[in-house]
Protein backbone atom coordinates (compact mmCIF):
# COMPACT_ATOMS: atom_id res chain seq x y z
CA MET A 1 -1.79 142.00 87.17
CA ASP A 2 -0.36 144.91 85.21
CA ARG A 3 1.20 145.35 81.77
CA LYS A 4 4.74 144.63 83.01
CA GLN A 5 3.70 141.35 84.66
CA ALA A 6 1.59 140.27 81.67
CA ASN A 7 4.47 141.03 79.27
CA LYS A 8 6.88 139.01 81.43
CA ILE A 9 4.56 136.00 81.59
CA LEU A 10 3.39 136.05 77.95
CA GLY A 11 6.73 137.02 76.40
CA ASP A 12 7.04 135.95 72.78
CA LYS A 13 3.38 134.88 72.68
CA ILE A 14 2.51 138.54 72.11
CA LYS A 15 2.59 139.14 68.38
CA ASP A 16 3.47 142.61 67.17
CA PRO A 17 2.31 144.93 65.80
CA ASP A 18 -1.35 144.22 66.58
CA GLY A 19 -0.90 142.59 70.00
CA SER A 20 -2.55 139.26 69.19
CA LEU A 21 -1.51 136.21 71.22
CA TYR A 22 -0.15 133.08 69.56
CA SER A 23 1.90 130.04 70.53
CA LEU A 24 2.25 126.59 69.00
CA LYS A 25 4.17 125.05 71.92
CA GLU A 26 1.20 125.26 74.27
CA TYR A 27 -1.47 126.16 71.79
CA LEU A 28 -2.77 129.67 72.32
CA ARG A 29 -4.55 131.75 69.72
CA TRP A 30 -6.31 135.04 70.26
CA LYS A 31 -6.75 137.92 67.81
CA VAL A 32 -7.36 141.47 68.95
CA GLY A 33 -11.10 142.04 69.13
CA ASP A 34 -12.02 138.38 69.61
CA LYS A 35 -14.21 137.60 72.62
CA LYS A 36 -12.68 134.12 73.02
CA ALA A 37 -9.20 132.59 72.93
CA SER A 38 -8.34 129.05 71.83
CA LEU A 39 -6.21 127.21 74.39
CA ASP A 40 -4.83 123.68 74.42
CA GLY A 41 -1.94 123.02 76.76
CA ASN A 42 -0.74 123.29 80.31
CA PHE A 43 -1.25 126.78 81.69
CA THR A 44 -0.63 128.01 85.23
CA ALA A 45 -3.03 130.29 87.04
CA ASP A 46 -0.56 133.13 86.36
CA ASP A 47 -0.56 132.27 82.64
CA LEU A 48 -4.35 132.34 82.54
CA GLU A 49 -4.52 135.58 84.49
CA ALA A 50 -2.02 137.20 82.11
CA ILE A 51 -3.97 135.97 79.08
CA ALA A 52 -7.23 137.34 80.51
CA TRP A 53 -5.56 140.65 81.39
CA TRP A 54 -4.11 140.94 77.88
CA MET A 55 -7.45 140.16 76.25
CA ARG A 56 -9.11 142.92 78.27
CA LYS A 57 -6.42 145.62 78.35
CA GLY A 58 -3.37 144.66 76.28
CA ASN A 59 -4.17 146.89 73.34
CA SER A 60 -5.36 149.85 75.38
CA PRO A 61 -2.58 152.41 75.60
CA GLY A 62 -1.95 153.55 79.15
CA GLU A 63 -3.70 150.57 80.76
CA GLU A 64 -1.58 149.41 83.64
């Protein structure tokens, strides 16, 4: 997983400018700095991998 793949998978769930994740359709809520995300919906393995990648590296400039 890299930034380009994570961006493609997460799309509009990435909230600018801070990079938090949020979606009401398939509930996803994560704020930058939180250790845990709230999830309630149907997520693929790719979705989950992108979410985990974003939580670890999404706000770190230069992380690919």
